Amino acid sequence: MLTNACLIGWLPKHATKIRSLLGEFADVRGFRLVSEIVSSIDPKGLIIDTEQLIGPKYQLKHHEDIGDIDLLVIDPAGRIVYSLESTSISPSRNVKEMIEEMAKLV
């Protein structure tokens, strides 16, 4: 039961150490995923960058901190900008919850 609670994020508020470790694991998985995506792209003629923060103090400006872009790909010749978001959807969630999570991304 604890394993399932850890995997789907249903932990008590006081489980801060476990939440912290799970966050670190998620960061590592996210970094690996983005790295795999970058390595699969032919970089010829493209500008590729990862983990671009968006906010008043960063290169990508907004009046408040609003998050980041996991993978930014710019094709200057085609005048196209791709902003790719990578996220993990827990396999133990039901279909309704998965649809709700995906709806947040669009």
C-alpha atoms as a PDB file:
ATOM      1  CA  MET A   1       0.000   0.000   0.000  1.00  0.00           C
ATOM      2  CA  LEU A   2       2.860   2.414   0.799  1.00  0.00           C
ATOM      3  CA  THR A   3       4.535   1.598  -2.517  1.00  0.00           C
ATOM      4  CA  ASN A   4       1.358   2.429  -4.414  1.00  0.00           C
ATOM      5  CA  ALA A   5       0.903   5.651  -2.421  1.00  0.00           C
ATOM      6  CA  CYS A   6       4.472   6.662  -3.310  1.00  0.00           C
ATOM      7  CA  LEU A   7       4.042   5.888  -6.999  1.00  0.00           C
ATOM      8  CA  ILE A   8       0.839   7.837  -7.443  1.00  0.00           C
ATOM      9  CA  GLY A   9       1.658  10.685  -5.066  1.00  0.00           C
ATOM     10  CA  TRP A  10      -0.913   9.909  -2.395  1.00  0.00           C
ATOM     11  CA  LEU A  11       1.271  10.502   0.630  1.00  0.00           C
ATOM     12  CA  PRO A  12       0.433  12.208   3.892  1.00  0.00           C
ATOM     13  CA  LYS A  13       1.544  15.843   4.140  1.00  0.00           C
ATOM     14  CA  HIS A  14       4.049  14.975   6.884  1.00  0.00           C
ATOM     15  CA  ALA A  15       5.949  12.525   4.610  1.00  0.00           C
ATOM     16  CA  THR A  16       8.309  15.295   3.512  1.00  0.00           C
ATOM     17  CA  LYS A  17      11.472  13.170   3.218  1.00  0.00           C
ATOM     18  CA  ILE A  18       9.736  10.626   1.015  1.00  0.00           C
ATOM     19  CA  ARG A  19       8.204  13.401  -1.102  1.00  0.00           C
ATOM     20  CA  SER A  20      11.639  14.998  -1.470  1.00  0.00           C
ATOM     21  CA  LEU A  21      13.229  11.736  -2.614  1.00  0.00           C
ATOM     22  CA  LEU A  22      10.400  11.072  -5.055  1.00  0.00           C
ATOM     23  CA  GLY A  23      10.905  14.581  -6.446  1.00  0.00           C
ATOM     24  CA  GLU A  24      14.603  13.883  -6.956  1.00  0.00           C
ATOM     25  CA  PHE A  25      13.814  10.595  -8.723  1.00  0.00           C
ATOM     26  CA  ALA A  26      11.299  12.375 -10.953  1.00  0.00           C
ATOM     27  CA  ASP A  27      13.891  15.029 -11.832  1.00  0.00           C
ATOM     28  CA  VAL A  28      16.394  12.351 -12.855  1.00  0.00           C
ATOM     29  CA  ARG A  29      13.785  10.539 -14.975  1.00  0.00           C
ATOM     30  CA  GLY A  30      12.795  13.835 -16.593  1.00  0.00           C
ATOM     31  CA  PHE A  31      16.404  14.741 -17.361  1.00  0.00           C
ATOM     32  CA  ARG A  32      16.977  11.312 -18.933  1.00  0.00           C
ATOM     33  CA  LEU A  33      13.833  11.601 -21.043  1.00  0.00           C
ATOM     34  CA  VAL A  34      14.737  15.069 -22.330  1.00  0.00           C
ATOM     35  CA  SER A  35      18.307  13.895 -23.035  1.00  0.00           C
ATOM     36  CA  GLU A  36      16.993  10.960 -25.069  1.00  0.00           C
ATOM     37  CA  ILE A  37      14.720  13.275 -27.052  1.00  0.00           C
ATOM     38  CA  VAL A  38      17.576  15.711 -27.732  1.00  0.00           C
ATOM     39  CA  SER A  39      19.866  12.894 -28.877  1.00  0.00           C
ATOM     40  CA  SER A  40      17.197  11.714 -31.322  1.00  0.00           C
ATOM     41  CA  ILE A  41      16.981  15.117 -33.056  1.00  0.00           C
ATOM     42  CA  ASP A  42      19.252  15.996 -35.960  1.00  0.00           C
ATOM     43  CA  PRO A  43      20.602  19.358 -34.728  1.00  0.00           C
ATOM     44  CA  LYS A  44      21.669  20.602 -38.175  1.00  0.00           C
ATOM     45  CA  GLY A  45      20.303  24.124 -38.608  1.00  0.00           C
ATOM     46  CA  LEU A  46      18.403  24.067 -35.311  1.00  0.00           C
ATOM     47  CA  ILE A  47      18.792  25.881 -32.017  1.00  0.00           C
ATOM     48  CA  ILE A  48      18.137  23.428 -29.182  1.00  0.00           C
ATOM     49  CA  ASP A  49      18.007  24.241 -25.491  1.00  0.00           C
ATOM     50  CA  THR A  50      16.598  22.564 -22.396  1.00  0.00           C
ATOM     51  CA  GLU A  51      15.108  23.735 -19.099  1.00  0.00           C
ATOM     52  CA  GLN A  52      14.436  27.323 -20.103  1.00  0.00           C
ATOM     53  CA  LEU A  53      12.873  29.134 -17.152  1.00  0.00           C
ATOM     54  CA  ILE A  54      10.198  31.751 -17.830  1.00  0.00           C
ATOM     55  CA  GLY A  55       9.920  34.813 -15.607  1.00  0.00           C
ATOM     56  CA  PRO A  56      11.090  38.378 -14.994  1.00  0.00           C
ATOM     57  CA  LYS A  57      14.694  37.346 -14.189  1.00  0.00           C
ATOM     58  CA  TYR A  58      15.190  34.955 -17.104  1.00  0.00           C
ATOM     59  CA  GLN A  59      15.932  35.133 -20.808  1.00  0.00           C
ATOM     60  CA  LEU A  60      12.334  34.151 -21.596  1.00  0.00           C
ATOM     61  CA  LYS A  61      10.425  37.050 -20.050  1.00  0.00           C
ATOM     62  CA  HIS A  62       7.087  37.127 -18.271  1.00  0.00           C
ATOM     63  CA  HIS A  63       5.942  39.453 -15.481  1.00  0.00           C
ATOM     64  CA  GLU A  64       5.913  36.522 -13.024  1.00  0.00           C
ATOM     65  CA  ASP A  65       7.623  33.131 -12.750  1.00  0.00           C
ATOM     66  CA  ILE A  66       5.388  30.782 -14.719  1.00  0.00           C
ATOM     67  CA  GLY A  67       7.531  27.675 -15.027  1.00  0.00           C
ATOM     68  CA  ASP A  68       9.823  26.349 -17.667  1.00  0.00           C
ATOM     69  CA  ILE A  69      10.107  24.847 -21.121  1.00  0.00           C
ATOM     70  CA  ASP A  70      11.575  21.354 -20.914  1.00  0.00           C
ATOM     71  CA  LEU A  71      12.868  21.348 -24.487  1.00  0.00           C
ATOM     72  CA  LEU A  72      12.997  24.337 -26.806  1.00  0.00           C
ATOM     73  CA  VAL A  73      13.728  23.711 -30.482  1.00  0.00           C
ATOM     74  CA  ILE A  74      13.961  26.613 -32.908  1.00  0.00           C
ATOM     75  CA  ASP A  75      14.144  26.151 -36.673  1.00  0.00           C
ATOM     76  CA  PRO A  76      15.289  29.564 -37.955  1.00  0.00           C
ATOM     77  CA  ALA A  77      15.034  28.533 -41.632  1.00  0.00           C
ATOM     78  CA  GLY A  78      11.474  27.301 -41.240  1.00  0.00           C
ATOM     79  CA  ARG A  79      10.636  30.074 -38.776  1.00  0.00           C
ATOM     80  CA  ILE A  80       9.147  27.516 -36.365  1.00  0.00           C
ATOM     81  CA  VAL A  81       9.488  27.302 -32.588  1.00  0.00           C
ATOM     82  CA  TYR A  82       8.742  24.030 -30.820  1.00  0.00           C
ATOM     83  CA  SER A  83       8.152  24.049 -27.075  1.00  0.00           C
ATOM     84  CA  LEU A  84       8.127  20.475 -25.798  1.00  0.00           C
ATOM     85  CA  GLU A  85       6.854  19.500 -22.370  1.00  0.00           C
ATOM     86  CA  SER A  86       7.747  16.153 -20.847  1.00  0.00           C
ATOM     87  CA  THR A  87       5.630  14.817 -18.030  1.00  0.00           C
ATOM     88  CA  SER A  88       5.028  11.530 -16.288  1.00  0.00           C
ATOM     89  CA  ILE A  89       1.557  10.096 -16.065  1.00  0.00           C
ATOM     90  CA  SER A  90       1.296   7.438 -13.382  1.00  0.00           C
ATOM     91  CA  PRO A  91       0.206   4.118 -14.921  1.00  0.00           C
ATOM     92  CA  SER A  92      -1.912   3.317 -11.867  1.00  0.00           C
ATOM     93  CA  ARG A  93      -4.285   6.231 -12.489  1.00  0.00           C
ATOM     94  CA  ASN A  94      -7.646   5.584 -14.008  1.00  0.00           C
ATOM     95  CA  VAL A  95      -8.543   6.827 -17.492  1.00  0.00           C
ATOM     96  CA  LYS A  96     -10.536   9.805 -16.180  1.00  0.00           C
ATOM     97  CA  GLU A  97      -7.574  11.056 -14.110  1.00  0.00           C
ATOM     98  CA  MET A  98      -5.188  10.607 -17.054  1.00  0.00           C
ATOM     99  CA  ILE A  99      -7.498  12.635 -19.327  1.00  0.00           C
ATOM    100  CA  GLU A 100      -7.710  15.382 -16.687  1.00  0.00           C
ATOM    101  CA  GLU A 101      -3.887  15.482 -16.408  1.00  0.00           C
ATOM    102  CA  MET A 102      -3.512  15.731 -20.204  1.00  0.00           C
ATOM    103  CA  ALA A 103      -6.136  18.503 -20.349  1.00  0.00           C
ATOM    104  CA  LYS A 104      -3.952  20.618 -18.058  1.00  0.00           C
ATOM    105  CA  LEU A 105      -1.193  20.530 -20.674  1.00  0.00           C
ATOM    106  CA  VAL A 106      -3.200  21.963 -23.568  1.00  0.00           C
END
